[in-house]
Amino acid sequence: MSSNNPSLIVIGKVAGAFGIKGWVKVISFTDPPEKILSYRPWQILKEGKPTTVKLKTGKPHGKTLVACLDGIEDRNQAELLNGYEIAIERQQ
């Protein structure tokens, strides 16, 4: 599902829903992994096409990270993002 857009860099992936309030589990490709939470806004790549999402907050949770995204209010919405890549604009 990688972007064909050269202005975007993939920095992670949504790994599923977390809890019932719309949080998502995140796999980070950044070093250190928590660095992904400092980039804003995120581009969620759906079938290679970016959609801008606002990261409201995020935190480490065990060996993974979890994030709360603006507009994602429940587990069902969060589950729809499972497997999508997270990208940022190259200039970020």
Protein backbone atom coordinates (compact mmCIF):
# COMPACT_ATOMS: atom_id res chain seq x y z
CA MET A 1 0.00 0.00 0.00
CA SER A 2 2.94 2.36 -0.38
CA SER A 3 2.41 5.86 -1.67
CA ASN A 4 3.49 6.75 -5.19
CA ASN A 5 3.72 10.35 -4.03
CA PRO A 6 7.43 11.33 -3.78
CA SER A 7 6.59 14.15 -1.35
CA LEU A 8 5.48 11.63 1.32
CA ILE A 9 7.59 9.43 3.59
CA VAL A 10 6.02 6.38 5.28
CA ILE A 11 6.87 6.47 9.00
CA GLY A 12 4.58 3.82 10.43
CA LYS A 13 1.50 1.69 10.17
CA VAL A 14 -1.82 1.30 11.99
CA ALA A 15 -1.82 -2.12 13.66
CA GLY A 16 -5.42 -2.24 14.89
CA ALA A 17 -7.87 -0.74 17.33
CA PHE A 18 -7.08 -0.11 21.00
CA GLY A 19 -9.91 0.10 23.50
CA ILE A 20 -13.43 1.33 22.79
CA LYS A 21 -12.84 5.08 22.42
CA GLY A 22 -11.32 5.06 18.91
CA TRP A 23 -7.62 4.81 19.75
CA VAL A 24 -5.35 2.89 17.35
CA LYS A 25 -2.24 0.78 17.87
CA VAL A 26 0.72 2.10 15.90
CA ILE A 27 3.84 0.38 14.57
CA SER A 28 6.51 3.05 14.23
CA PHE A 29 9.34 2.97 11.70
CA THR A 30 11.07 5.94 13.38
CA ASP A 31 14.06 5.81 15.71
CA PRO A 32 13.26 6.11 18.55
CA PRO A 33 9.74 4.73 17.99
CA GLU A 34 8.07 7.51 20.04
CA LYS A 35 9.37 10.08 17.52
CA ILE A 36 6.39 9.28 15.27
CA LEU A 37 4.16 11.07 17.82
CA SER A 38 5.99 14.37 17.27
CA TYR A 39 5.11 14.57 13.56
CA ARG A 40 1.88 16.36 12.71
CA PRO A 41 -0.28 16.10 10.71
CA TRP A 42 -0.24 12.51 9.58
CA GLN A 43 -1.29 11.27 6.17
CA ILE A 44 -3.15 7.95 6.32
CA LEU A 45 -2.60 6.07 3.08
CA LYS A 46 -5.75 4.30 1.90
CA GLU A 47 -5.02 2.36 -1.27
CA GLY A 48 -1.98 4.60 -1.76
CA LYS A 49 -4.04 7.81 -1.55
CA PRO A 50 -3.31 10.15 1.38
CA THR A 51 -5.93 11.49 3.75
CA THR A 52 -4.81 14.09 6.29
CA VAL A 53 -5.60 13.26 9.92
CA LYS A 54 -4.89 15.25 13.04
CA LEU A 55 -3.07 13.37 15.80
CA LYS A 56 -4.76 14.49 19.03
CA THR A 57 -2.46 12.58 21.38
CA GLY A 58 -0.40 9.43 21.63
CA LYS A 59 1.69 7.48 24.11
CA PRO A 60 3.81 4.38 24.56
CA HIS A 61 1.83 1.33 25.67
CA GLY A 62 3.92 -1.71 26.48
CA LYS A 63 6.08 -2.51 23.46
CA THR A 64 3.84 -0.55 21.07
CA LEU A 65 2.38 2.93 20.77
CA VAL A 66 -1.24 4.02 20.83
CA ALA A 67 -2.71 7.17 19.29
CA CYS A 68 -5.95 9.12 19.32
CA LEU A 69 -6.89 10.66 15.96
CA ASP A 70 -9.33 13.50 15.40
CA GLY A 71 -12.62 12.22 13.99
CA ILE A 72 -12.10 8.62 15.11
CA GLU A 73 -14.56 8.28 17.99
CA ASP A 74 -15.12 4.55 18.50
CA ARG A 75 -13.58 1.12 18.05
CA ASN A 76 -15.44 0.44 14.80
CA GLN A 77 -13.97 3.53 13.14
CA ALA A 78 -10.49 2.65 14.48
CA GLU A 79 -10.72 -0.90 13.10
CA LEU A 80 -11.32 0.49 9.59
CA LEU A 81 -7.78 1.98 9.66
CA ASN A 82 -6.08 -1.36 10.41
CA GLY A 83 -3.15 -1.96 8.07
CA TYR A 84 -3.05 1.55 6.62
CA GLU A 85 0.32 3.24 6.37
CA ILE A 86 1.14 6.49 8.18
CA ALA A 87 3.10 9.05 6.19
CA ILE A 88 4.26 12.64 6.55
CA GLU A 89 5.23 15.33 4.08
CA ARG A 90 8.95 15.03 3.20
CA GLN A 91 9.70 18.60 4.37
CA GLN A 92 8.55 17.69 7.91
